[in-house]
Amino acid sequence: MISPDAKRRSVYILFAVAILLLALNLFLHKLLPKTNSEREALILSGLEINNRFLQVVNNFGLEEDWIVVRKLSNKPDSLFSYYTIKLPPDLPIPVLISEVNTELSSDSVEIKSFEKKMGGKTKLEIYSGGLLKLTADIDYDKELVRKRGSVGFLIENISFDDQEDSLLFDVTESFAVLLIPSKENKKHSKFILNKSKEFALLLDDEIDDLKFKLSEGYPNSRILNSVKAIIGSFSNAIFFVFDDESELFRSKVFPVISAELEKRNIKLLLKSEFYQLENNQEKDINTSFDSLIKNLGEEKLFILSNVEEFRLLLSEIARYRKVGFKFINPSLIKN
């Protein structure tokens, strides 16, 4: 009679042999060359490569006449398409080629590019199964412009003590922070500039710091001293923003403040001039942004958002930049 220990050992041995055979099978599958039918299944047709290539190119918002189909008298039998593509100067050729690589690169597809001119004219070739399927001559044309609008973001209510909010300053996107004058925000303004971002100043009823406080009950001399203190402490502000729903805006001291800023050639905007995206149950922030950008035309505008809204829009901003929309520092928007 076989003992229980002997049975257990037999089970362990059989289990180990099964694992070994499975590993050996996987190893041989990778080691042995694929059959002809397997290799042929991986090869992409010229039509598929052409369609996927054009999808990538069209994602950059190029006009139809910037993409020209060329004819070759002695073209290889495998060659399906030959293009000449002109790009505007704001769309780097390497960015386009990188997107083509991302879309098409695989074991059966080889993508080659050759610069015919340093930083300029480039030949692109796409092979599948060792056969040339598509080629394109890509170059810049300084006369071309993607006619798209520009957007500058201002972010309010940012918390510099919140680690997640602070990480926003490490993203490559341009934006300005809307600050209320205070001693603490004077320190924060230096942090913002060190991160290559911008800031603007918000004048409203929430200014508590006595050095910067603006109150209807103050005499004009005190108001002017506060304004001078604000200007001196925040000299790198791109502009000042007045909350036109505040008591301060409706007070008799507003003309005094406005005149002093105008005298010093400091740009003053009203908060109501900034576009604020809807973000509710009926229309979420991405839908609201999508609708705005599609109807923007060639206009330039400011968007006022909070930190969370801006964070949610980062992927959408990248998508629209690809087709030519510009997301720029608010200081570059003239109005």
Protein backbone atom coordinates (compact mmCIF):
# COMPACT_ATOMS: atom_id res chain seq x y z
CA MET A 1 0.00 0.00 0.00
CA ILE A 2 1.36 3.47 -1.03
CA SER A 3 1.89 5.81 1.92
CA PRO A 4 0.27 9.31 2.01
CA ASP A 5 3.75 10.92 1.87
CA ALA A 6 4.59 9.01 -1.30
CA LYS A 7 1.30 10.14 -2.89
CA ARG A 8 2.04 13.78 -2.04
CA ARG A 9 5.53 13.50 -3.53
CA SER A 10 4.08 12.05 -6.73
CA VAL A 11 1.61 14.92 -7.02
CA TYR A 12 4.39 17.49 -6.47
CA ILE A 13 6.57 15.81 -9.11
CA LEU A 14 3.75 15.71 -11.67
CA PHE A 15 2.94 19.36 -10.97
CA ALA A 16 6.60 20.36 -11.42
CA VAL A 17 6.85 18.41 -14.69
CA ALA A 18 3.69 20.13 -16.01
CA ILE A 19 5.13 23.60 -15.20
CA LEU A 20 8.41 22.63 -16.88
CA LEU A 21 6.66 21.43 -20.04
CA LEU A 22 4.58 24.63 -20.19
CA ALA A 23 7.69 26.80 -19.86
CA LEU A 24 9.49 24.76 -22.53
CA ASN A 25 6.55 25.14 -24.90
CA LEU A 26 6.54 28.93 -24.46
CA PHE A 27 10.30 29.08 -24.98
CA LEU A 28 10.14 27.03 -28.19
CA HIS A 29 7.22 29.13 -29.47
CA LYS A 30 9.35 32.26 -29.18
CA LEU A 31 12.50 30.60 -30.45
CA LEU A 32 11.12 28.88 -33.52
CA PRO A 33 10.49 31.03 -36.62
CA LYS A 34 6.89 31.82 -37.50
CA THR A 35 5.33 29.94 -40.37
CA ASN A 36 4.77 31.71 -43.66
CA SER A 37 1.06 31.99 -42.96
CA GLU A 38 1.73 33.60 -39.57
CA ARG A 39 4.18 36.07 -41.10
CA GLU A 40 1.77 36.97 -43.90
CA ALA A 41 -0.99 37.61 -41.37
CA LEU A 42 1.20 40.22 -39.67
CA ILE A 43 2.05 42.11 -42.88
CA LEU A 44 -0.09 45.22 -43.32
CA SER A 45 -1.49 46.00 -46.74
CA GLY A 46 -0.62 49.23 -48.52
CA LEU A 47 -4.27 50.31 -48.18
CA GLU A 48 -4.29 49.85 -44.39
CA ILE A 49 -0.97 51.66 -43.97
CA ASN A 50 -2.21 54.49 -46.18
CA ASN A 51 -5.47 54.88 -44.24
CA ARG A 52 -3.77 54.87 -40.85
CA PHE A 53 -1.08 57.27 -42.06
CA LEU A 54 -3.69 59.75 -43.34
CA GLN A 55 -5.61 59.46 -40.07
CA VAL A 56 -2.49 60.57 -38.18
CA VAL A 57 -1.81 63.43 -40.61
CA ASN A 58 -5.41 64.65 -40.50
CA ASN A 59 -5.32 64.70 -36.69
CA PHE A 60 -2.96 67.69 -36.97
CA GLY A 61 -5.56 69.85 -38.67
CA LEU A 62 -3.77 70.24 -42.02
CA GLU A 63 -5.61 71.70 -44.99
CA GLU A 64 -6.33 69.35 -47.90
CA ASP A 65 -4.08 71.17 -50.36
CA TRP A 66 -1.10 70.79 -48.00
CA ILE A 67 -1.20 67.02 -48.67
CA VAL A 68 -0.52 66.14 -52.32
CA VAL A 69 -0.58 62.66 -53.86
CA ARG A 70 2.39 62.19 -56.17
CA LYS A 71 2.66 59.91 -59.18
CA LEU A 72 5.78 57.92 -60.01
CA SER A 73 6.43 56.48 -63.46
CA ASN A 74 8.80 53.78 -62.19
CA LYS A 75 7.43 53.06 -58.75
CA PRO A 76 8.01 49.70 -57.01
CA ASP A 77 5.12 47.26 -57.31
CA SER A 78 4.70 47.24 -53.52
CA LEU A 79 4.44 51.06 -53.22
CA PHE A 80 0.83 52.07 -52.56
CA SER A 81 1.16 55.82 -51.92
CA TYR A 82 3.63 58.66 -52.42
CA TYR A 83 2.89 62.04 -50.82
CA THR A 84 4.32 65.53 -50.63
CA ILE A 85 3.29 67.19 -47.36
CA LYS A 86 3.76 70.83 -46.40
CA LEU A 87 3.70 71.79 -42.71
CA PRO A 88 3.27 75.17 -41.03
CA PRO A 89 6.32 76.28 -38.99
CA ASP A 90 4.51 75.67 -35.66
CA LEU A 91 4.24 71.92 -36.33
CA PRO A 92 7.68 70.24 -36.06
CA ILE A 93 8.32 67.44 -38.55
CA PRO A 94 9.67 65.13 -35.78
CA VAL A 95 6.34 65.47 -33.93
CA LEU A 96 4.42 64.26 -36.99
CA ILE A 97 6.83 61.36 -37.55
CA SER A 98 6.65 60.40 -33.87
CA GLU A 99 2.85 60.13 -34.14
CA VAL A 100 3.19 57.97 -37.27
CA ASN A 101 5.57 55.70 -35.36
CA THR A 102 3.12 55.41 -32.47
CA GLU A 103 0.26 54.51 -34.81
CA LEU A 104 2.06 52.04 -37.10
CA SER A 105 5.16 50.68 -35.42
CA SER A 106 5.05 46.88 -34.96
CA ASP A 107 7.09 43.72 -35.66
CA SER A 108 5.94 43.74 -39.29
CA VAL A 109 6.26 47.49 -39.94
CA GLU A 110 9.51 49.41 -40.27
CA ILE A 111 9.53 53.20 -40.45
CA LYS A 112 12.55 55.08 -41.77
CA SER A 113 13.11 58.83 -41.99
CA PHE A 114 15.98 60.77 -43.53
CA GLU A 115 16.64 64.49 -43.21
CA LYS A 116 17.48 65.85 -46.66
CA LYS A 117 18.01 69.28 -45.13
CA MET A 118 19.09 69.93 -41.54
CA GLY A 119 15.97 70.76 -39.52
CA GLY A 120 13.84 70.73 -42.66
CA LYS A 121 12.91 68.57 -45.63
CA THR A 122 12.57 64.94 -44.60
CA LYS A 123 11.90 61.70 -46.49
CA LEU A 124 9.61 59.22 -44.71
CA GLU A 125 9.39 55.57 -45.78
CA ILE A 126 7.08 52.90 -44.36
CA TYR A 127 7.78 49.21 -44.98
CA SER A 128 5.80 46.09 -44.11
CA GLY A 129 7.11 42.58 -44.67
CA GLY A 130 10.31 44.14 -46.01
CA LEU A 131 8.40 45.87 -48.84
CA LEU A 132 8.05 49.63 -49.31
CA LYS A 133 4.36 50.53 -48.93
CA LEU A 134 4.30 54.32 -48.50
CA THR A 135 6.68 57.22 -48.85
CA ALA A 136 6.31 60.94 -48.17
CA ASP A 137 8.41 64.06 -48.67
CA ILE A 138 7.71 66.39 -45.73
CA ASP A 139 8.84 70.01 -45.55
CA TYR A 140 7.95 73.35 -43.96
CA ASP A 141 6.25 76.22 -45.72
CA LYS A 142 6.58 79.48 -43.78
CA GLU A 143 3.52 80.89 -45.56
CA LEU A 144 1.20 78.25 -44.08
CA VAL A 145 -0.83 78.99 -40.95
CA ARG A 146 -3.32 76.79 -39.14
CA LYS A 147 -6.11 79.30 -38.52
CA ARG A 148 -7.00 78.53 -34.95
CA GLY A 149 -7.79 80.54 -31.86
CA SER A 150 -5.71 81.13 -28.73
CA VAL A 151 -6.60 80.57 -25.09
CA GLY A 152 -4.97 81.83 -21.90
CA PHE A 153 -5.90 80.13 -18.61
CA LEU A 154 -6.16 81.89 -15.25
CA ILE A 155 -6.44 79.62 -12.23
CA GLU A 156 -8.06 80.79 -9.01
CA ASN A 157 -8.29 79.33 -5.50
CA ILE A 158 -5.04 77.39 -5.80
CA SER A 159 -3.68 76.06 -2.51
CA PHE A 160 0.10 76.25 -2.26
CA ASP A 161 0.04 74.01 0.83
CA ASP A 162 -1.69 71.24 -1.10
CA GLN A 163 0.87 68.89 -2.68
CA GLU A 164 -1.41 67.95 -5.58
CA ASP A 165 -2.08 71.61 -6.39
CA SER A 166 1.65 72.39 -6.25
CA LEU A 167 2.40 69.58 -8.73
CA LEU A 168 0.40 71.51 -11.31
CA PHE A 169 3.32 73.92 -11.64
CA ASP A 170 5.44 71.09 -13.08
CA VAL A 171 3.19 70.54 -16.10
CA THR A 172 4.33 72.11 -19.37
CA GLU A 173 1.05 73.93 -19.97
CA SER A 174 1.00 77.73 -19.72
CA PHE A 175 -1.27 79.43 -17.21
CA ALA A 176 -1.43 82.32 -14.76
CA VAL A 177 -2.48 82.18 -11.11
CA LEU A 178 -4.98 84.72 -9.79
CA LEU A 179 -3.66 85.98 -6.43
CA ILE A 180 -5.21 88.20 -3.76
CA PRO A 181 -2.63 90.67 -2.40
CA SER A 182 -1.16 89.42 0.89
CA LYS A 183 2.25 88.91 2.50
CA GLU A 184 1.92 85.15 1.99
CA ASN A 185 1.04 85.52 -1.68
CA LYS A 186 4.02 87.82 -2.15
CA LYS A 187 6.17 84.76 -1.31
CA HIS A 188 4.03 82.57 -3.54
CA SER A 189 4.47 84.97 -6.46
CA LYS A 190 8.22 84.26 -6.43
CA PHE A 191 7.52 80.51 -6.46
CA ILE A 192 5.21 80.99 -9.46
CA LEU A 193 7.84 82.91 -11.42
CA ASN A 194 10.51 80.33 -10.58
CA LYS A 195 8.23 77.71 -12.14
CA SER A 196 8.03 79.81 -15.34
CA LYS A 197 4.36 80.59 -14.82
CA GLU A 198 2.58 83.94 -14.51
CA PHE A 199 0.33 85.60 -11.98
CA ALA A 200 -2.32 88.32 -11.96
CA LEU A 201 -3.78 90.19 -8.98
CA LEU A 202 -7.40 90.07 -7.91
CA LEU A 203 -8.79 93.18 -6.21
CA ASP A 204 -11.94 92.44 -4.22
CA ASP A 205 -13.47 92.53 -0.75
CA GLU A 206 -11.25 89.67 0.51
CA ILE A 207 -8.02 91.66 0.93
CA ASP A 208 -7.32 91.35 4.66
CA ASP A 209 -3.67 92.37 4.90
CA LEU A 210 -3.66 95.93 6.32
CA LYS A 211 -0.74 96.94 4.09
CA PHE A 212 -2.77 96.16 0.99
CA LYS A 213 -6.33 96.66 2.21
CA LEU A 214 -8.70 98.73 0.07
CA SER A 215 -11.80 100.00 1.87
CA GLU A 216 -14.46 102.54 1.03
CA GLY A 217 -14.02 104.02 4.49
CA TYR A 218 -10.40 104.95 3.84
CA PRO A 219 -9.39 108.45 2.70
CA ASN A 220 -7.94 108.71 -0.81
CA SER A 221 -4.41 109.11 0.57
CA ARG A 222 -4.69 105.75 2.37
CA ILE A 223 -6.14 104.11 -0.73
CA LEU A 224 -3.24 105.40 -2.86
CA ASN A 225 -0.70 104.14 -0.32
CA SER A 226 -2.29 100.68 -0.45
CA VAL A 227 -2.28 100.71 -4.26
CA LYS A 228 1.40 101.73 -4.29
CA ALA A 229 2.20 98.97 -1.80
CA ILE A 230 0.41 96.39 -3.97
CA ILE A 231 2.20 97.56 -7.12
CA GLY A 232 5.58 97.57 -5.39
CA SER A 233 5.14 94.12 -3.84
CA PHE A 234 3.72 92.50 -6.98
CA SER A 235 5.59 94.35 -9.72
CA ASN A 236 5.66 91.24 -11.94
CA ALA A 237 1.89 90.86 -12.11
CA ILE A 238 0.78 90.61 -15.75
CA PHE A 239 -2.34 92.65 -15.01
CA PHE A 240 -4.86 93.50 -12.29
CA VAL A 241 -8.38 92.03 -12.15
CA PHE A 242 -11.28 93.78 -10.45
CA ASP A 243 -14.13 91.65 -9.15
CA ASP A 244 -17.02 93.64 -10.59
CA GLU A 245 -19.48 91.89 -8.27
CA SER A 246 -17.66 93.11 -5.17
CA GLU A 247 -18.59 95.98 -2.87
CA LEU A 248 -15.20 97.50 -3.62
CA PHE A 249 -16.05 97.79 -7.33
CA ARG A 250 -19.30 99.63 -6.53
CA SER A 251 -17.66 101.93 -4.01
CA LYS A 252 -16.50 105.52 -4.47
CA VAL A 253 -12.83 104.45 -4.19
CA PHE A 254 -12.91 102.35 -7.37
CA PRO A 255 -12.33 105.38 -9.67
CA VAL A 256 -9.38 106.38 -7.46
CA ILE A 257 -7.82 102.92 -7.77
CA SER A 258 -8.55 102.69 -11.50
CA ALA A 259 -7.05 106.13 -12.20
CA GLU A 260 -3.87 105.28 -10.28
CA LEU A 261 -3.38 102.02 -12.19
CA GLU A 262 -4.08 103.74 -15.51
CA LYS A 263 -1.56 106.47 -14.66
CA ARG A 264 1.07 103.76 -14.19
CA ASN A 265 0.08 101.98 -17.45
CA ILE A 266 -1.07 98.91 -15.56
CA LYS A 267 -3.65 96.83 -17.36
CA LEU A 268 -6.94 96.48 -15.46
CA LEU A 269 -9.56 93.89 -16.43
CA LEU A 270 -12.93 92.98 -14.98
CA LYS A 271 -13.46 89.45 -13.71
CA SER A 272 -16.66 89.17 -15.75
CA GLU A 273 -14.57 89.50 -18.93
CA PHE A 274 -13.14 86.00 -18.37
CA TYR A 275 -14.95 83.01 -19.80
CA GLN A 276 -16.00 80.47 -17.17
CA LEU A 277 -16.84 76.96 -18.34
CA GLU A 278 -20.02 75.22 -17.24
CA ASN A 279 -19.42 72.23 -15.01
CA ASN A 280 -22.66 70.67 -13.75
CA GLN A 281 -24.91 67.63 -14.18
CA GLU A 282 -26.25 68.87 -17.49
CA LYS A 283 -22.87 69.80 -19.00
CA ASP A 284 -19.54 68.58 -17.65
CA ILE A 285 -16.30 70.53 -17.95
CA ASN A 286 -14.95 68.57 -20.94
CA THR A 287 -18.17 68.93 -22.94
CA SER A 288 -18.27 72.64 -22.16
CA PHE A 289 -14.63 73.08 -23.21
CA ASP A 290 -15.13 71.05 -26.39
CA SER A 291 -18.10 73.20 -27.41
CA LEU A 292 -16.21 76.43 -26.72
CA ILE A 293 -13.08 75.48 -28.68
CA LYS A 294 -15.00 74.20 -31.71
CA ASN A 295 -16.74 77.58 -31.99
CA LEU A 296 -13.70 79.70 -31.16
CA GLY A 297 -12.61 80.40 -34.73
CA GLU A 298 -9.49 82.60 -34.67
CA GLU A 299 -10.46 84.49 -31.52
CA LYS A 300 -8.33 84.91 -28.41
CA LEU A 301 -9.88 84.62 -24.97
CA PHE A 302 -9.21 84.12 -21.27
CA ILE A 303 -10.65 81.15 -19.41
CA LEU A 304 -10.99 81.39 -15.63
CA SER A 305 -11.00 78.01 -13.90
CA ASN A 306 -10.19 76.37 -10.60
CA VAL A 307 -7.40 73.85 -10.11
CA GLU A 308 -9.53 70.73 -10.45
CA GLU A 309 -11.18 71.94 -13.67
CA PHE A 310 -7.82 72.77 -15.23
CA ARG A 311 -6.42 69.37 -14.24
CA LEU A 312 -9.40 67.64 -15.88
CA LEU A 313 -8.82 69.61 -19.09
CA LEU A 314 -5.12 68.77 -19.56
CA SER A 315 -5.73 65.87 -21.97
CA GLU A 316 -8.23 67.94 -23.98
CA ILE A 317 -5.77 70.83 -24.19
CA ALA A 318 -3.13 68.46 -25.62
CA ARG A 319 -5.62 67.11 -28.17
CA TYR A 320 -6.65 70.54 -29.43
CA ARG A 321 -3.08 71.82 -29.52
CA LYS A 322 -2.29 69.02 -31.96
CA VAL A 323 -4.71 70.48 -34.51
CA GLY A 324 -3.31 73.99 -34.15
CA PHE A 325 -5.10 75.71 -31.26
CA LYS A 326 -2.71 77.71 -29.09
CA PHE A 327 -2.73 77.62 -25.29
CA ILE A 328 -0.52 80.49 -24.30
CA ASN A 329 0.50 82.71 -21.43
CA PRO A 330 -2.38 85.10 -20.61
CA SER A 331 0.05 88.02 -20.89
CA LEU A 332 0.19 87.39 -24.66
CA ILE A 333 -3.53 87.93 -25.14
CA LYS A 334 -4.38 91.49 -26.10
CA ASN A 335 -7.83 92.84 -25.47
